[in-house]
Amino acid sequence: MKVSNVLGSMALISAISFSHQAFATTNVTDLGDLNAGPVVEQSLLQIGAFWLPDVYTFDLSSDSTVTVDFKALLGIGVGSSFSLYDSTSALITSYSIPALSFGSTTTFTFVDLMAGNDYQFKFNPGALNVTLSNKLTFTAHETVVPVPEPESNALMLVGLGIIGLIARRKFA
């Protein structure tokens, strides 16, 4: 392969990327209340969107665990990441997206998010990002705190009473 062919290809890719960057803006999508309609899908097609993140804002009506499935028919990315921010734009956590994905799904899980806060997911394409037919699926699962049944408490008290009787007989 000739050096001139390689340099020409790199120049073409750079021109496409920079022209895309010049006209592109950050896409902001309001997902609304993720607890209300648990699955929201967003399709992406990006070619070299240098550091222009896609932002997904949402809120929660109840404490929840949120999962994001990132499915790519074909994806090549250098430095691509998926991050979660709270209402003050403080980073909660960030995940790196695999550099090469082909027909695979990567799942990101965000645990114990509190109700009443506004959150933002940011898909940052990184330095180089070529994707084809990507799909993000956002799902909220309400966090349920288990409450013991009265029968469980009664059974525990009976067990403690029996242990107390045995201990009393030993020391009496």
C-alpha atoms as a PDB file:
ATOM      1  CA  MET A   1       0.000   0.000   0.000  1.00  0.00           C
ATOM      2  CA  LYS A   2       1.395   3.366  -0.963  1.00  0.00           C
ATOM      3  CA  VAL A   3       1.977   6.055   1.620  1.00  0.00           C
ATOM      4  CA  SER A   4       0.123   8.549  -0.569  1.00  0.00           C
ATOM      5  CA  ASN A   5      -3.012   6.353  -0.506  1.00  0.00           C
ATOM      6  CA  VAL A   6      -2.892   6.103   3.286  1.00  0.00           C
ATOM      7  CA  LEU A   7      -2.343   9.861   3.699  1.00  0.00           C
ATOM      8  CA  GLY A   8      -5.122  10.606   1.214  1.00  0.00           C
ATOM      9  CA  SER A   9      -7.529   8.350   3.099  1.00  0.00           C
ATOM     10  CA  MET A  10      -6.624   9.955   6.411  1.00  0.00           C
ATOM     11  CA  ALA A  11      -7.136  13.432   4.917  1.00  0.00           C
ATOM     12  CA  LEU A  12     -10.569  12.440   3.591  1.00  0.00           C
ATOM     13  CA  ILE A  13     -11.662  10.998   6.940  1.00  0.00           C
ATOM     14  CA  SER A  14     -10.399  14.107   8.754  1.00  0.00           C
ATOM     15  CA  ALA A  15     -12.232  16.405   6.334  1.00  0.00           C
ATOM     16  CA  ILE A  16     -15.486  14.508   6.826  1.00  0.00           C
ATOM     17  CA  SER A  17     -15.035  14.494  10.588  1.00  0.00           C
ATOM     18  CA  PHE A  18     -14.192  18.164  10.892  1.00  0.00           C
ATOM     19  CA  SER A  19     -16.972  19.227   8.533  1.00  0.00           C
ATOM     20  CA  HIS A  20     -19.403  17.181  10.604  1.00  0.00           C
ATOM     21  CA  GLN A  21     -18.099  18.830  13.741  1.00  0.00           C
ATOM     22  CA  ALA A  22     -18.454  22.327  12.336  1.00  0.00           C
ATOM     23  CA  PHE A  23     -22.184  21.905  11.768  1.00  0.00           C
ATOM     24  CA  ALA A  24     -23.030  19.538  14.610  1.00  0.00           C
ATOM     25  CA  THR A  25     -24.368  20.497  17.992  1.00  0.00           C
ATOM     26  CA  THR A  26     -24.881  18.486  21.116  1.00  0.00           C
ATOM     27  CA  ASN A  27     -28.112  16.524  20.823  1.00  0.00           C
ATOM     28  CA  VAL A  28     -30.234  16.766  23.975  1.00  0.00           C
ATOM     29  CA  THR A  29     -33.099  14.315  24.349  1.00  0.00           C
ATOM     30  CA  ASP A  30     -35.557  14.547  27.241  1.00  0.00           C
ATOM     31  CA  LEU A  31     -36.501  11.002  28.246  1.00  0.00           C
ATOM     32  CA  GLY A  32     -39.008  12.243  30.836  1.00  0.00           C
ATOM     33  CA  ASP A  33     -39.868  10.040  33.798  1.00  0.00           C
ATOM     34  CA  LEU A  34     -38.163   6.689  33.211  1.00  0.00           C
ATOM     35  CA  ASN A  35     -40.465   5.045  35.782  1.00  0.00           C
ATOM     36  CA  ALA A  36     -43.556   5.996  33.768  1.00  0.00           C
ATOM     37  CA  GLY A  37     -42.820   4.104  30.566  1.00  0.00           C
ATOM     38  CA  PRO A  38     -39.916   1.871  31.344  1.00  0.00           C
ATOM     39  CA  VAL A  39     -38.278   1.448  27.915  1.00  0.00           C
ATOM     40  CA  VAL A  40     -37.091   4.274  25.673  1.00  0.00           C
ATOM     41  CA  GLU A  41     -35.100   3.578  22.525  1.00  0.00           C
ATOM     42  CA  GLN A  42     -32.768   5.998  20.743  1.00  0.00           C
ATOM     43  CA  SER A  43     -31.129   5.129  17.422  1.00  0.00           C
ATOM     44  CA  LEU A  44     -27.744   6.636  16.664  1.00  0.00           C
ATOM     45  CA  LEU A  45     -25.788   7.071  13.471  1.00  0.00           C
ATOM     46  CA  GLN A  46     -22.559   8.978  13.973  1.00  0.00           C
ATOM     47  CA  ILE A  47     -19.435   9.380  11.932  1.00  0.00           C
ATOM     48  CA  GLY A  48     -16.588  11.175  13.655  1.00  0.00           C
ATOM     49  CA  ALA A  49     -18.583  13.468  15.937  1.00  0.00           C
ATOM     50  CA  PHE A  50     -15.416  14.620  17.749  1.00  0.00           C
ATOM     51  CA  TRP A  51     -16.304  15.304  21.389  1.00  0.00           C
ATOM     52  CA  LEU A  52     -19.905  16.277  20.772  1.00  0.00           C
ATOM     53  CA  PRO A  53     -21.866  14.221  23.285  1.00  0.00           C
ATOM     54  CA  ASP A  54     -25.435  13.080  22.991  1.00  0.00           C
ATOM     55  CA  VAL A  55     -27.204  14.051  26.218  1.00  0.00           C
ATOM     56  CA  TYR A  56     -30.247  12.240  27.595  1.00  0.00           C
ATOM     57  CA  THR A  57     -32.004  13.958  30.521  1.00  0.00           C
ATOM     58  CA  PHE A  58     -34.485  12.144  32.743  1.00  0.00           C
ATOM     59  CA  ASP A  59     -36.030  12.051  36.185  1.00  0.00           C
ATOM     60  CA  LEU A  60     -37.360   9.301  38.422  1.00  0.00           C
ATOM     61  CA  SER A  61     -40.621   9.173  40.373  1.00  0.00           C
ATOM     62  CA  SER A  62     -39.271   6.487  42.719  1.00  0.00           C
ATOM     63  CA  ASP A  63     -35.871   5.188  43.812  1.00  0.00           C
ATOM     64  CA  SER A  64     -34.661   2.983  40.983  1.00  0.00           C
ATOM     65  CA  THR A  65     -31.888   1.045  39.347  1.00  0.00           C
ATOM     66  CA  VAL A  66     -31.449   2.087  35.727  1.00  0.00           C
ATOM     67  CA  THR A  67     -29.914  -0.095  33.036  1.00  0.00           C
ATOM     68  CA  VAL A  68     -28.790   1.096  29.635  1.00  0.00           C
ATOM     69  CA  ASP A  69     -28.298  -1.424  26.840  1.00  0.00           C
ATOM     70  CA  PHE A  70     -25.964  -0.161  24.097  1.00  0.00           C
ATOM     71  CA  LYS A  71     -26.434  -2.371  21.034  1.00  0.00           C
ATOM     72  CA  ALA A  72     -24.244  -1.846  18.002  1.00  0.00           C
ATOM     73  CA  LEU A  73     -24.523  -3.498  14.626  1.00  0.00           C
ATOM     74  CA  LEU A  74     -21.040  -2.096  13.984  1.00  0.00           C
ATOM     75  CA  GLY A  75     -19.092   0.305  16.148  1.00  0.00           C
ATOM     76  CA  ILE A  76     -15.509   1.533  16.151  1.00  0.00           C
ATOM     77  CA  GLY A  77     -14.612   4.045  18.825  1.00  0.00           C
ATOM     78  CA  VAL A  78     -11.524   5.426  20.487  1.00  0.00           C
ATOM     79  CA  GLY A  79     -12.214   6.985  23.852  1.00  0.00           C
ATOM     80  CA  SER A  80     -15.993   6.543  23.668  1.00  0.00           C
ATOM     81  CA  SER A  81     -17.751   6.554  27.023  1.00  0.00           C
ATOM     82  CA  PHE A  82     -21.169   6.543  28.632  1.00  0.00           C
ATOM     83  CA  SER A  83     -21.525   8.659  31.788  1.00  0.00           C
ATOM     84  CA  LEU A  84     -24.186   9.526  34.353  1.00  0.00           C
ATOM     85  CA  TYR A  85     -24.403  12.991  35.933  1.00  0.00           C
ATOM     86  CA  ASP A  86     -26.698  14.316  38.658  1.00  0.00           C
ATOM     87  CA  SER A  87     -28.689  17.572  38.597  1.00  0.00           C
ATOM     88  CA  THR A  88     -25.614  19.611  39.623  1.00  0.00           C
ATOM     89  CA  SER A  89     -23.625  18.174  36.680  1.00  0.00           C
ATOM     90  CA  ALA A  90     -21.459  16.171  39.079  1.00  0.00           C
ATOM     91  CA  LEU A  91     -20.222  12.908  37.595  1.00  0.00           C
ATOM     92  CA  ILE A  92     -21.724   9.864  39.309  1.00  0.00           C
ATOM     93  CA  THR A  93     -20.060   7.154  37.237  1.00  0.00           C
ATOM     94  CA  SER A  94     -18.658   6.541  33.784  1.00  0.00           C
ATOM     95  CA  TYR A  95     -18.171   3.446  31.633  1.00  0.00           C
ATOM     96  CA  SER A  96     -15.890   3.018  28.628  1.00  0.00           C
ATOM     97  CA  ILE A  97     -17.456   1.601  25.505  1.00  0.00           C
ATOM     98  CA  PRO A  98     -15.528  -1.220  23.818  1.00  0.00           C
ATOM     99  CA  ALA A  99     -13.268  -0.020  20.990  1.00  0.00           C
ATOM    100  CA  LEU A 100     -14.770  -2.523  18.564  1.00  0.00           C
ATOM    101  CA  SER A 101     -18.282  -3.890  18.708  1.00  0.00           C
ATOM    102  CA  PHE A 102     -19.964  -6.029  16.096  1.00  0.00           C
ATOM    103  CA  GLY A 103     -23.542  -7.127  16.692  1.00  0.00           C
ATOM    104  CA  SER A 104     -23.089  -7.019  20.454  1.00  0.00           C
ATOM    105  CA  THR A 105     -24.854  -5.430  23.416  1.00  0.00           C
ATOM    106  CA  THR A 106     -23.038  -3.729  26.272  1.00  0.00           C
ATOM    107  CA  THR A 107     -25.067  -3.161  29.445  1.00  0.00           C
ATOM    108  CA  PHE A 108     -24.420  -0.363  31.906  1.00  0.00           C
ATOM    109  CA  THR A 109     -26.123  -0.503  35.321  1.00  0.00           C
ATOM    110  CA  PHE A 110     -26.656   2.474  37.619  1.00  0.00           C
ATOM    111  CA  VAL A 111     -27.800   1.339  41.071  1.00  0.00           C
ATOM    112  CA  ASP A 112     -29.836   3.162  43.744  1.00  0.00           C
ATOM    113  CA  LEU A 113     -30.703   6.376  41.923  1.00  0.00           C
ATOM    114  CA  MET A 114     -32.925   8.565  44.087  1.00  0.00           C
ATOM    115  CA  ALA A 115     -36.340   9.846  43.095  1.00  0.00           C
ATOM    116  CA  GLY A 116     -36.909  13.546  42.548  1.00  0.00           C
ATOM    117  CA  ASN A 117     -33.462  14.244  41.084  1.00  0.00           C
ATOM    118  CA  ASP A 118     -32.820  15.188  37.484  1.00  0.00           C
ATOM    119  CA  TYR A 119     -30.131  13.097  35.851  1.00  0.00           C
ATOM    120  CA  GLN A 120     -28.206  13.193  32.586  1.00  0.00           C
ATOM    121  CA  PHE A 121     -26.715  10.365  30.559  1.00  0.00           C
ATOM    122  CA  LYS A 122     -23.953  11.508  28.226  1.00  0.00           C
ATOM    123  CA  PHE A 123     -22.801   9.397  25.321  1.00  0.00           C
ATOM    124  CA  ASN A 124     -19.384  10.839  24.475  1.00  0.00           C
ATOM    125  CA  PRO A 125     -18.134   9.600  21.095  1.00  0.00           C
ATOM    126  CA  GLY A 126     -14.477  10.269  21.946  1.00  0.00           C
ATOM    127  CA  ALA A 127     -11.702  11.082  19.491  1.00  0.00           C
ATOM    128  CA  LEU A 128     -12.843   8.681  16.794  1.00  0.00           C
ATOM    129  CA  ASN A 129     -16.288   7.191  16.521  1.00  0.00           C
ATOM    130  CA  VAL A 130     -17.843   5.395  13.574  1.00  0.00           C
ATOM    131  CA  THR A 131     -21.085   3.647  14.388  1.00  0.00           C
ATOM    132  CA  LEU A 132     -23.780   2.020  12.352  1.00  0.00           C
ATOM    133  CA  SER A 133     -27.255   1.188  13.584  1.00  0.00           C
ATOM    134  CA  ASN A 134     -26.689   1.655  17.288  1.00  0.00           C
ATOM    135  CA  LYS A 135     -29.573   1.527  19.698  1.00  0.00           C
ATOM    136  CA  LEU A 136     -29.701   2.705  23.310  1.00  0.00           C
ATOM    137  CA  THR A 137     -32.458   1.213  25.466  1.00  0.00           C
ATOM    138  CA  PHE A 138     -33.085   2.851  28.836  1.00  0.00           C
ATOM    139  CA  THR A 139     -34.949   0.828  31.472  1.00  0.00           C
ATOM    140  CA  ALA A 140     -35.807   1.826  35.051  1.00  0.00           C
ATOM    141  CA  HIS A 141     -36.482  -0.805  37.705  1.00  0.00           C
ATOM    142  CA  GLU A 142     -38.043   0.442  40.910  1.00  0.00           C
ATOM    143  CA  THR A 143     -35.979  -0.329  43.992  1.00  0.00           C
ATOM    144  CA  VAL A 144     -38.154  -2.324  46.362  1.00  0.00           C
ATOM    145  CA  VAL A 145     -37.203  -2.470  50.020  1.00  0.00           C
ATOM    146  CA  PRO A 146     -38.336  -5.819  51.444  1.00  0.00           C
ATOM    147  CA  VAL A 147     -40.623  -5.560  54.470  1.00  0.00           C
ATOM    148  CA  PRO A 148     -40.701  -8.590  56.748  1.00  0.00           C
ATOM    149  CA  GLU A 149     -44.049 -10.310  57.092  1.00  0.00           C
ATOM    150  CA  PRO A 150     -45.602 -10.485  60.602  1.00  0.00           C
ATOM    151  CA  GLU A 151     -45.299 -14.284  60.482  1.00  0.00           C
ATOM    152  CA  SER A 152     -41.532 -13.974  60.013  1.00  0.00           C
ATOM    153  CA  ASN A 153     -41.246 -11.736  63.064  1.00  0.00           C
ATOM    154  CA  ALA A 154     -43.401 -14.099  65.136  1.00  0.00           C
ATOM    155  CA  LEU A 155     -41.328 -17.114  64.079  1.00  0.00           C
ATOM    156  CA  MET A 156     -38.134 -15.265  65.013  1.00  0.00           C
ATOM    157  CA  LEU A 157     -39.527 -14.384  68.466  1.00  0.00           C
ATOM    158  CA  VAL A 158     -40.572 -18.015  69.074  1.00  0.00           C
ATOM    159  CA  GLY A 159     -37.048 -19.149  68.121  1.00  0.00           C
ATOM    160  CA  LEU A 160     -35.462 -16.610  70.480  1.00  0.00           C
ATOM    161  CA  GLY A 161     -37.834 -17.740  73.245  1.00  0.00           C
ATOM    162  CA  ILE A 162     -36.810 -21.387  72.785  1.00  0.00           C
ATOM    163  CA  ILE A 163     -33.120 -20.416  72.865  1.00  0.00           C
ATOM    164  CA  GLY A 164     -33.825 -18.456  76.071  1.00  0.00           C
ATOM    165  CA  LEU A 165     -35.536 -21.488  77.690  1.00  0.00           C
ATOM    166  CA  ILE A 166     -32.636 -23.771  76.762  1.00  0.00           C
ATOM    167  CA  ALA A 167     -30.149 -21.297  78.188  1.00  0.00           C
ATOM    168  CA  ARG A 168     -32.195 -20.967  81.396  1.00  0.00           C
ATOM    169  CA  ARG A 169     -32.283 -24.761  81.888  1.00  0.00           C
ATOM    170  CA  LYS A 170     -28.508 -24.979  81.427  1.00  0.00           C
ATOM    171  CA  PHE A 171     -27.757 -22.359  84.069  1.00  0.00           C
ATOM    172  CA  ALA A 172     -30.496 -23.299  86.535  1.00  0.00           C
END
